[in-house]
Amino acid sequence: MLIVSVSVQDEDLDFTLATDFEIGHFFRERVIPRAVLYFTGEALEDDESV
């Protein structure tokens, strides 16, 4: 019988990886498609109207 214990370090690593994924997903969905608008300043004008 194989007994696997999950250490606190493993839980911290899982949390860190999940957080990194969420940040990367946000950039992929929200920032990258509007990169040119941010570069030209047009996105800032759109954000103020929200």
C-alpha atoms as a PDB file:
ATOM      1  CA  MET A   1       0.000   0.000   0.000  1.00  0.00           C
ATOM      2  CA  LEU A   2       1.365   3.395  -1.003  1.00  0.00           C
ATOM      3  CA  ILE A   3       0.731   6.262   1.387  1.00  0.00           C
ATOM      4  CA  VAL A   4       1.242   9.747   0.019  1.00  0.00           C
ATOM      5  CA  SER A   5       1.277  12.688   2.368  1.00  0.00           C
ATOM      6  CA  VAL A   6       0.719  16.187   1.078  1.00  0.00           C
ATOM      7  CA  SER A   7       3.101  18.574   2.727  1.00  0.00           C
ATOM      8  CA  VAL A   8       2.525  22.243   3.373  1.00  0.00           C
ATOM      9  CA  GLN A   9       5.192  23.020   0.788  1.00  0.00           C
ATOM     10  CA  ASP A  10       3.229  21.071  -1.854  1.00  0.00           C
ATOM     11  CA  GLU A  11       0.069  22.998  -1.004  1.00  0.00           C
ATOM     12  CA  ASP A  12       1.955  26.304  -1.256  1.00  0.00           C
ATOM     13  CA  LEU A  13       3.335  25.263  -4.636  1.00  0.00           C
ATOM     14  CA  ASP A  14      -0.154  24.339  -5.884  1.00  0.00           C
ATOM     15  CA  PHE A  15      -1.493  27.709  -4.738  1.00  0.00           C
ATOM     16  CA  THR A  16       1.388  29.556  -6.415  1.00  0.00           C
ATOM     17  CA  LEU A  17       0.922  27.682  -9.685  1.00  0.00           C
ATOM     18  CA  ALA A  18      -2.832  28.315  -9.678  1.00  0.00           C
ATOM     19  CA  THR A  19      -2.278  32.020  -9.028  1.00  0.00           C
ATOM     20  CA  ASP A  20       0.319  32.247 -11.802  1.00  0.00           C
ATOM     21  CA  PHE A  21      -2.106  30.553 -14.184  1.00  0.00           C
ATOM     22  CA  GLU A  22      -4.886  33.015 -13.320  1.00  0.00           C
ATOM     23  CA  ILE A  23      -2.587  35.998 -13.915  1.00  0.00           C
ATOM     24  CA  GLY A  24      -1.399  34.563 -17.229  1.00  0.00           C
ATOM     25  CA  HIS A  25      -4.961  33.841 -18.297  1.00  0.00           C
ATOM     26  CA  PHE A  26      -5.987  37.414 -17.464  1.00  0.00           C
ATOM     27  CA  PHE A  27      -3.177  38.789 -19.628  1.00  0.00           C
ATOM     28  CA  ARG A  28      -4.105  36.445 -22.461  1.00  0.00           C
ATOM     29  CA  GLU A  29      -7.791  37.341 -22.398  1.00  0.00           C
ATOM     30  CA  ARG A  30      -7.743  41.043 -21.497  1.00  0.00           C
ATOM     31  CA  VAL A  31      -4.364  42.661 -22.125  1.00  0.00           C
ATOM     32  CA  ILE A  32      -2.838  40.968 -25.178  1.00  0.00           C
ATOM     33  CA  PRO A  33      -5.845  41.504 -27.482  1.00  0.00           C
ATOM     34  CA  ARG A  34      -5.790  45.227 -26.622  1.00  0.00           C
ATOM     35  CA  ALA A  35      -1.996  45.705 -26.596  1.00  0.00           C
ATOM     36  CA  VAL A  36      -1.973  48.172 -29.490  1.00  0.00           C
ATOM     37  CA  LEU A  37      -4.748  50.188 -27.847  1.00  0.00           C
ATOM     38  CA  TYR A  38      -2.727  50.389 -24.625  1.00  0.00           C
ATOM     39  CA  PHE A  39       0.377  51.376 -26.595  1.00  0.00           C
ATOM     40  CA  THR A  40      -1.430  54.196 -28.405  1.00  0.00           C
ATOM     41  CA  GLY A  41      -3.303  55.328 -25.281  1.00  0.00           C
ATOM     42  CA  GLU A  42      -6.743  54.579 -26.712  1.00  0.00           C
ATOM     43  CA  ALA A  43      -7.439  51.869 -24.123  1.00  0.00           C
ATOM     44  CA  LEU A  44      -7.022  54.372 -21.303  1.00  0.00           C
ATOM     45  CA  GLU A  45      -9.743  56.527 -22.819  1.00  0.00           C
ATOM     46  CA  ASP A  46     -12.053  53.490 -22.986  1.00  0.00           C
ATOM     47  CA  ASP A  47     -11.281  52.483 -19.383  1.00  0.00           C
ATOM     48  CA  GLU A  48     -12.275  55.912 -18.033  1.00  0.00           C
ATOM     49  CA  SER A  49     -15.788  55.585 -19.449  1.00  0.00           C
ATOM     50  CA  VAL A  50     -16.451  52.385 -17.456  1.00  0.00           C
END
